[in-house]
Amino acid sequence: MWVEGFNHVTVNVRNLANSLDFYIGILGLQLIHKGNTDAYLEWGSAWICLIEKPEFTESIGSVIGIDHIAFSVAEEHFEEAVQVLQAHEVRLIRGPVKRGLGWTVNFLDPDGIQLELHTSNLRERMSVWNNKQE
């Protein structure tokens, strides 16, 4: 068995409507399907499934599970994307900063799930990392 690439991520959310406002209205993902308690959103060739779990509570501290979800954004659109996050009063938790050859900003969705916008790819990131190791 060989994994061919990233496919999707499933995220539990407390309020589906609030999360859809965030993921569609702020991040610009495309709604493909909305059910009573779930929604499927697409960006590029990947997708995200949101499942409403109102009984879940926000965890405190570090937990095993998803650390963050990173979305690619073109470098020429990065500054504007950060401005959109700030205009919607999205909580930024790191950056914007240069990491490797790309820019990154980490922020929280309505349920406190950490997301990232990043402008470079893995090869570019590792080229800088590998040079630091030598």
N, C-alpha and C. Protein backbone atom coordinates (compact mmCIF):
# COMPACT_ATOMS: atom_id res chain seq x y z
N MET A 1 0.84 -1.19 0.00
CA MET A 1 0.00 0.00 0.00
C MET A 1 0.88 1.24 0.00
N TRP A 2 0.57 2.21 -0.87
CA TRP A 2 1.30 3.48 -0.92
C TRP A 2 0.29 4.62 -0.91
N VAL A 3 0.52 5.54 0.00
CA VAL A 3 -0.32 6.72 0.07
C VAL A 3 0.08 7.64 -1.07
N GLU A 4 -0.89 8.18 -1.77
CA GLU A 4 -0.61 8.99 -2.96
C GLU A 4 -0.63 10.49 -2.70
N GLY A 5 -1.21 10.95 -1.60
CA GLY A 5 -1.27 12.39 -1.33
C GLY A 5 -2.32 12.70 -0.30
N PHE A 6 -2.43 13.98 0.03
CA PHE A 6 -3.42 14.40 1.02
C PHE A 6 -4.81 14.28 0.42
N ASN A 7 -5.78 13.80 1.21
CA ASN A 7 -7.14 13.62 0.74
C ASN A 7 -8.10 14.55 1.46
N HIS A 8 -8.24 14.38 2.78
CA HIS A 8 -9.17 15.22 3.53
C HIS A 8 -8.87 15.16 5.01
N VAL A 9 -9.52 16.04 5.75
CA VAL A 9 -9.46 16.02 7.20
C VAL A 9 -10.89 16.19 7.69
N THR A 10 -11.23 15.51 8.77
CA THR A 10 -12.54 15.63 9.40
C THR A 10 -12.37 16.33 10.73
N VAL A 11 -13.19 17.33 10.97
CA VAL A 11 -13.07 18.15 12.17
C VAL A 11 -14.42 18.18 12.89
N ASN A 12 -14.39 17.88 14.19
CA ASN A 12 -15.59 18.02 15.02
C ASN A 12 -15.75 19.48 15.42
N VAL A 13 -16.95 20.03 15.24
CA VAL A 13 -17.23 21.42 15.59
C VAL A 13 -18.46 21.48 16.48
N ARG A 14 -18.56 22.53 17.30
CA ARG A 14 -19.72 22.67 18.18
C ARG A 14 -20.94 23.23 17.47
N ASN A 15 -20.74 24.14 16.52
CA ASN A 15 -21.86 24.78 15.85
C ASN A 15 -21.56 24.83 14.36
N LEU A 16 -22.29 24.03 13.58
CA LEU A 16 -22.02 23.91 12.15
C LEU A 16 -22.20 25.24 11.43
N ALA A 17 -23.23 25.99 11.75
CA ALA A 17 -23.48 27.27 11.07
C ALA A 17 -22.32 28.24 11.29
N ASN A 18 -21.85 28.36 12.53
CA ASN A 18 -20.72 29.25 12.81
C ASN A 18 -19.47 28.81 12.05
N SER A 19 -19.24 27.50 12.02
CA SER A 19 -18.06 26.99 11.33
C SER A 19 -18.16 27.20 9.82
N LEU A 20 -19.36 27.04 9.25
CA LEU A 20 -19.52 27.28 7.82
C LEU A 20 -19.30 28.75 7.49
N ASP A 21 -19.78 29.65 8.33
CA ASP A 21 -19.52 31.08 8.12
C ASP A 21 -18.01 31.33 8.07
N PHE A 22 -17.28 30.68 8.95
CA PHE A 22 -15.83 30.86 9.02
C PHE A 22 -15.13 30.25 7.82
N TYR A 23 -15.35 28.96 7.56
CA TYR A 23 -14.61 28.26 6.52
C TYR A 23 -14.99 28.72 5.11
N ILE A 24 -16.25 29.09 4.90
CA ILE A 24 -16.68 29.58 3.59
C ILE A 24 -16.50 31.09 3.50
N GLY A 25 -17.04 31.81 4.48
CA GLY A 25 -17.05 33.26 4.43
C GLY A 25 -15.70 33.92 4.60
N ILE A 26 -14.83 33.34 5.40
CA ILE A 26 -13.52 33.94 5.66
C ILE A 26 -12.42 33.25 4.87
N LEU A 27 -12.37 31.91 4.91
CA LEU A 27 -11.29 31.19 4.22
C LEU A 27 -11.59 30.94 2.74
N GLY A 28 -12.85 31.02 2.35
CA GLY A 28 -13.19 30.88 0.94
C GLY A 28 -13.27 29.46 0.41
N LEU A 29 -13.45 28.47 1.29
CA LEU A 29 -13.63 27.10 0.81
C LEU A 29 -15.00 26.99 0.15
N GLN A 30 -15.15 26.02 -0.73
CA GLN A 30 -16.38 25.84 -1.48
C GLN A 30 -17.25 24.76 -0.83
N LEU A 31 -18.51 25.10 -0.55
CA LEU A 31 -19.45 24.14 0.01
C LEU A 31 -19.89 23.17 -1.08
N ILE A 32 -19.69 21.88 -0.83
CA ILE A 32 -20.08 20.84 -1.78
C ILE A 32 -21.37 20.16 -1.32
N HIS A 33 -21.51 19.95 -0.01
CA HIS A 33 -22.71 19.29 0.53
C HIS A 33 -22.92 19.77 1.96
N LYS A 34 -24.18 20.02 2.31
CA LYS A 34 -24.52 20.34 3.69
C LYS A 34 -25.68 19.46 4.12
N GLY A 35 -25.44 18.67 5.18
CA GLY A 35 -26.48 17.86 5.76
C GLY A 35 -26.99 18.52 7.03
N ASN A 36 -27.73 17.77 7.84
CA ASN A 36 -28.25 18.31 9.10
C ASN A 36 -27.15 18.57 10.11
N THR A 37 -26.16 17.69 10.17
CA THR A 37 -25.09 17.84 11.17
C THR A 37 -23.70 17.74 10.56
N ASP A 38 -23.59 17.78 9.23
CA ASP A 38 -22.29 17.69 8.60
C ASP A 38 -22.24 18.55 7.35
N ALA A 39 -21.04 18.86 6.94
CA ALA A 39 -20.83 19.62 5.71
C ALA A 39 -19.50 19.21 5.11
N TYR A 40 -19.44 19.23 3.80
CA TYR A 40 -18.23 18.89 3.07
C TYR A 40 -17.81 20.09 2.24
N LEU A 41 -16.58 20.52 2.46
CA LEU A 41 -16.03 21.70 1.81
C LEU A 41 -14.80 21.29 1.03
N GLU A 42 -14.58 21.98 -0.07
CA GLU A 42 -13.45 21.62 -0.93
C GLU A 42 -12.55 22.82 -1.14
N TRP A 43 -11.25 22.54 -1.22
CA TRP A 43 -10.27 23.54 -1.65
C TRP A 43 -9.25 22.79 -2.47
N GLY A 44 -9.06 23.23 -3.69
CA GLY A 44 -8.15 22.53 -4.58
C GLY A 44 -8.61 21.09 -4.78
N SER A 45 -7.69 20.17 -4.61
CA SER A 45 -8.03 18.75 -4.76
C SER A 45 -8.31 18.09 -3.41
N ALA A 46 -8.27 18.85 -2.34
CA ALA A 46 -8.49 18.30 -1.00
C ALA A 46 -9.83 18.78 -0.46
N TRP A 47 -10.28 18.15 0.61
CA TRP A 47 -11.54 18.55 1.21
C TRP A 47 -11.52 18.38 2.71
N ILE A 48 -12.48 19.02 3.34
CA ILE A 48 -12.62 18.97 4.79
C ILE A 48 -14.07 18.63 5.11
N CYS A 49 -14.25 17.78 6.08
CA CYS A 49 -15.59 17.43 6.56
C CYS A 49 -15.75 18.03 7.95
N LEU A 50 -16.81 18.80 8.13
CA LEU A 50 -17.15 19.34 9.45
C LEU A 50 -18.32 18.54 9.99
N ILE A 51 -18.20 18.06 11.22
CA ILE A 51 -19.27 17.30 11.86
C ILE A 51 -19.67 18.01 13.15
N GLU A 52 -20.94 18.37 13.25
CA GLU A 52 -21.42 19.09 14.43
C GLU A 52 -21.53 18.14 15.62
N LYS A 53 -20.86 18.50 16.70
CA LYS A 53 -20.88 17.75 17.96
C LYS A 53 -21.09 18.74 19.09
N PRO A 54 -22.32 19.24 19.29
CA PRO A 54 -22.55 20.28 20.30
C PRO A 54 -22.23 19.83 21.72
N GLU A 55 -22.18 18.53 21.94
CA GLU A 55 -21.88 18.03 23.29
C GLU A 55 -20.39 18.09 23.61
N PHE A 56 -19.54 18.26 22.59
CA PHE A 56 -18.10 18.34 22.83
C PHE A 56 -17.76 19.68 23.45
N THR A 57 -16.77 19.67 24.32
CA THR A 57 -16.31 20.91 24.94
C THR A 57 -14.89 21.18 24.50
N GLU A 58 -14.47 22.42 24.62
CA GLU A 58 -13.11 22.78 24.23
C GLU A 58 -12.13 22.15 25.20
N SER A 59 -11.10 21.56 24.65
CA SER A 59 -10.08 20.95 25.50
C SER A 59 -9.13 22.03 26.01
N ILE A 60 -8.52 21.75 27.12
CA ILE A 60 -7.56 22.68 27.71
C ILE A 60 -6.19 22.04 27.65
N GLY A 61 -5.22 22.77 27.16
CA GLY A 61 -3.85 22.26 27.10
C GLY A 61 -3.62 21.39 25.88
N SER A 62 -2.48 20.74 25.87
CA SER A 62 -2.11 19.90 24.75
C SER A 62 -2.84 18.57 24.81
N VAL A 63 -3.31 18.12 23.66
CA VAL A 63 -3.98 16.84 23.56
C VAL A 63 -3.46 16.10 22.35
N ILE A 64 -3.59 14.79 22.37
CA ILE A 64 -3.26 13.99 21.20
C ILE A 64 -4.35 14.19 20.18
N GLY A 65 -4.00 14.33 18.94
CA GLY A 65 -4.99 14.55 17.87
C GLY A 65 -4.44 15.55 16.88
N ILE A 66 -5.30 16.21 16.15
CA ILE A 66 -4.88 17.18 15.15
C ILE A 66 -4.21 18.36 15.84
N ASP A 67 -3.00 18.69 15.42
CA ASP A 67 -2.33 19.87 15.94
C ASP A 67 -2.82 21.10 15.20
N HIS A 68 -2.79 21.05 13.87
CA HIS A 68 -3.32 22.13 13.07
C HIS A 68 -3.54 21.64 11.64
N ILE A 69 -4.29 22.42 10.89
CA ILE A 69 -4.54 22.15 9.48
C ILE A 69 -3.96 23.33 8.72
N ALA A 70 -3.13 23.06 7.73
CA ALA A 70 -2.51 24.12 6.95
C ALA A 70 -3.12 24.19 5.55
N PHE A 71 -3.41 25.40 5.13
CA PHE A 71 -3.92 25.67 3.80
C PHE A 71 -2.85 26.42 3.01
N SER A 72 -2.69 26.08 1.76
CA SER A 72 -1.76 26.80 0.89
C SER A 72 -2.41 28.09 0.41
N VAL A 73 -1.60 29.13 0.33
CA VAL A 73 -2.05 30.40 -0.24
C VAL A 73 -0.88 30.95 -1.04
N ALA A 74 -1.18 31.54 -2.19
CA ALA A 74 -0.13 32.13 -3.02
C ALA A 74 0.50 33.30 -2.28
N GLU A 75 1.83 33.43 -2.41
CA GLU A 75 2.52 34.48 -1.69
C GLU A 75 1.98 35.86 -2.04
N GLU A 76 1.57 36.06 -3.29
CA GLU A 76 1.05 37.37 -3.67
C GLU A 76 -0.30 37.69 -3.03
N HIS A 77 -0.97 36.68 -2.47
CA HIS A 77 -2.25 36.90 -1.80
C HIS A 77 -2.14 36.82 -0.28
N PHE A 78 -0.94 36.53 0.22
CA PHE A 78 -0.77 36.29 1.64
C PHE A 78 -1.13 37.50 2.50
N GLU A 79 -0.61 38.66 2.16
CA GLU A 79 -0.87 39.86 2.97
C GLU A 79 -2.37 40.18 3.01
N GLU A 80 -3.03 40.05 1.87
CA GLU A 80 -4.47 40.28 1.83
C GLU A 80 -5.22 39.27 2.68
N ALA A 81 -4.78 38.00 2.66
CA ALA A 81 -5.42 36.97 3.47
C ALA A 81 -5.30 37.29 4.96
N VAL A 82 -4.14 37.76 5.38
CA VAL A 82 -3.95 38.15 6.78
C VAL A 82 -4.87 39.32 7.12
N GLN A 83 -5.00 40.27 6.22
CA GLN A 83 -5.89 41.41 6.45
C GLN A 83 -7.34 40.97 6.59
N VAL A 84 -7.76 39.97 5.81
CA VAL A 84 -9.12 39.44 5.92
C VAL A 84 -9.33 38.81 7.29
N LEU A 85 -8.35 38.01 7.74
CA LEU A 85 -8.45 37.40 9.07
C LEU A 85 -8.58 38.49 10.14
N GLN A 86 -7.74 39.51 10.05
CA GLN A 86 -7.77 40.59 11.04
C GLN A 86 -9.08 41.37 10.98
N ALA A 87 -9.61 41.61 9.79
CA ALA A 87 -10.86 42.35 9.63
C ALA A 87 -12.03 41.60 10.26
N HIS A 88 -11.94 40.26 10.26
CA HIS A 88 -12.99 39.43 10.87
C HIS A 88 -12.68 39.11 12.33
N GLU A 89 -11.66 39.76 12.87
CA GLU A 89 -11.24 39.58 14.26
C GLU A 89 -10.96 38.13 14.61
N VAL A 90 -10.37 37.41 13.65
CA VAL A 90 -9.93 36.04 13.87
C VAL A 90 -8.70 36.10 14.76
N ARG A 91 -8.64 35.24 15.75
CA ARG A 91 -7.52 35.24 16.71
C ARG A 91 -6.27 34.64 16.07
N LEU A 92 -5.27 35.50 15.83
CA LEU A 92 -3.98 35.05 15.32
C LEU A 92 -3.14 34.59 16.50
N ILE A 93 -2.48 33.43 16.35
CA ILE A 93 -1.68 32.92 17.46
C ILE A 93 -0.19 32.84 17.14
N ARG A 94 0.17 32.99 15.86
CA ARG A 94 1.58 33.07 15.48
C ARG A 94 1.66 33.75 14.11
N GLY A 95 2.52 34.73 14.05
CA GLY A 95 2.78 35.37 12.78
C GLY A 95 1.85 36.53 12.50
N PRO A 96 1.94 37.00 11.29
CA PRO A 96 2.65 36.41 10.16
C PRO A 96 4.17 36.47 10.32
N VAL A 97 4.81 35.36 9.96
CA VAL A 97 6.27 35.25 10.03
C VAL A 97 6.78 34.48 8.82
N LYS A 98 8.04 34.70 8.52
CA LYS A 98 8.71 33.95 7.46
C LYS A 98 9.19 32.64 8.07
N ARG A 99 8.82 31.52 7.47
CA ARG A 99 9.29 30.20 7.91
C ARG A 99 9.84 29.49 6.68
N GLY A 100 11.10 29.21 6.72
CA GLY A 100 11.73 28.64 5.53
C GLY A 100 11.72 29.69 4.44
N LEU A 101 11.25 29.32 3.27
CA LEU A 101 11.18 30.26 2.15
C LEU A 101 9.79 30.86 2.02
N GLY A 102 8.87 30.48 2.91
CA GLY A 102 7.50 30.96 2.79
C GLY A 102 7.02 31.72 4.00
N TRP A 103 5.89 32.37 3.83
CA TRP A 103 5.24 33.09 4.91
C TRP A 103 4.16 32.22 5.54
N THR A 104 3.97 32.39 6.83
CA THR A 104 2.96 31.61 7.54
C THR A 104 2.26 32.46 8.58
N VAL A 105 1.01 32.13 8.82
CA VAL A 105 0.25 32.73 9.92
C VAL A 105 -0.63 31.62 10.48
N ASN A 106 -0.64 31.49 11.81
CA ASN A 106 -1.49 30.51 12.48
C ASN A 106 -2.59 31.25 13.21
N PHE A 107 -3.79 30.65 13.20
CA PHE A 107 -4.96 31.29 13.78
C PHE A 107 -5.95 30.22 14.21
N LEU A 108 -7.01 30.63 14.90
CA LEU A 108 -7.99 29.70 15.44
C LEU A 108 -9.33 29.85 14.74
N ASP A 109 -10.00 28.72 14.51
CA ASP A 109 -11.36 28.77 13.98
C ASP A 109 -12.33 28.99 15.14
N PRO A 110 -13.65 29.04 14.92
CA PRO A 110 -14.59 29.32 16.01
C PRO A 110 -14.54 28.34 17.18
N ASP A 111 -14.04 27.11 16.95
CA ASP A 111 -13.94 26.12 18.02
C ASP A 111 -12.55 26.03 18.62
N GLY A 112 -11.67 26.94 18.26
CA GLY A 112 -10.32 26.92 18.81
C GLY A 112 -9.40 25.94 18.10
N ILE A 113 -9.77 25.46 16.92
CA ILE A 113 -8.92 24.56 16.15
C ILE A 113 -7.87 25.40 15.43
N GLN A 114 -6.61 25.01 15.57
CA GLN A 114 -5.54 25.79 14.97
C GLN A 114 -5.43 25.52 13.47
N LEU A 115 -5.43 26.60 12.71
CA LEU A 115 -5.28 26.55 11.27
C LEU A 115 -4.07 27.38 10.87
N GLU A 116 -3.57 27.13 9.68
CA GLU A 116 -2.40 27.86 9.20
C GLU A 116 -2.58 28.18 7.73
N LEU A 117 -2.14 29.36 7.32
CA LEU A 117 -1.98 29.69 5.92
C LEU A 117 -0.48 29.71 5.66
N HIS A 118 -0.04 29.03 4.60
CA HIS A 118 1.40 28.91 4.32
C HIS A 118 1.63 29.07 2.83
N THR A 119 2.72 29.77 2.48
CA THR A 119 2.96 30.09 1.07
C THR A 119 3.97 29.20 0.36
N SER A 120 4.68 28.33 1.07
CA SER A 120 5.69 27.52 0.38
C SER A 120 5.29 26.04 0.41
N ASN A 121 6.11 25.23 -0.23
CA ASN A 121 5.87 23.79 -0.23
C ASN A 121 6.92 23.09 0.63
N LEU A 122 6.79 21.80 0.77
CA LEU A 122 7.68 21.04 1.65
C LEU A 122 9.12 21.08 1.17
N ARG A 123 9.36 20.97 -0.12
CA ARG A 123 10.73 21.00 -0.62
C ARG A 123 11.41 22.32 -0.26
N GLU A 124 10.69 23.43 -0.43
CA GLU A 124 11.25 24.73 -0.08
C GLU A 124 11.52 24.81 1.42
N ARG A 125 10.60 24.31 2.23
CA ARG A 125 10.77 24.33 3.68
C ARG A 125 11.99 23.52 4.10
N MET A 126 12.15 22.33 3.51
CA MET A 126 13.25 21.46 3.87
C MET A 126 14.59 21.98 3.36
N SER A 127 14.60 22.73 2.26
CA SER A 127 15.88 23.26 1.76
C SER A 127 16.50 24.19 2.78
N VAL A 128 15.69 24.96 3.46
CA VAL A 128 16.18 25.84 4.52
C VAL A 128 16.53 25.03 5.75
N TRP A 129 15.68 24.09 6.12
CA TRP A 129 15.91 23.25 7.30
C TRP A 129 17.20 22.46 7.15
N ASN A 130 17.41 21.83 5.98
CA ASN A 130 18.60 21.02 5.74
C ASN A 130 19.86 21.88 5.81
N ASN A 131 19.79 23.12 5.32
CA ASN A 131 20.96 24.01 5.40
C ASN A 131 21.28 24.35 6.85
N LYS A 132 20.28 24.45 7.72
CA LYS A 132 20.52 24.74 9.14
C LYS A 132 21.18 23.56 9.84
N GLN A 133 20.91 22.33 9.38
CA GLN A 133 21.43 21.13 10.01
C GLN A 133 22.89 20.91 9.69
N GLU A 134 23.39 21.49 8.58
CA GLU A 134 24.77 21.24 8.16
C GLU A 134 25.77 22.06 8.92
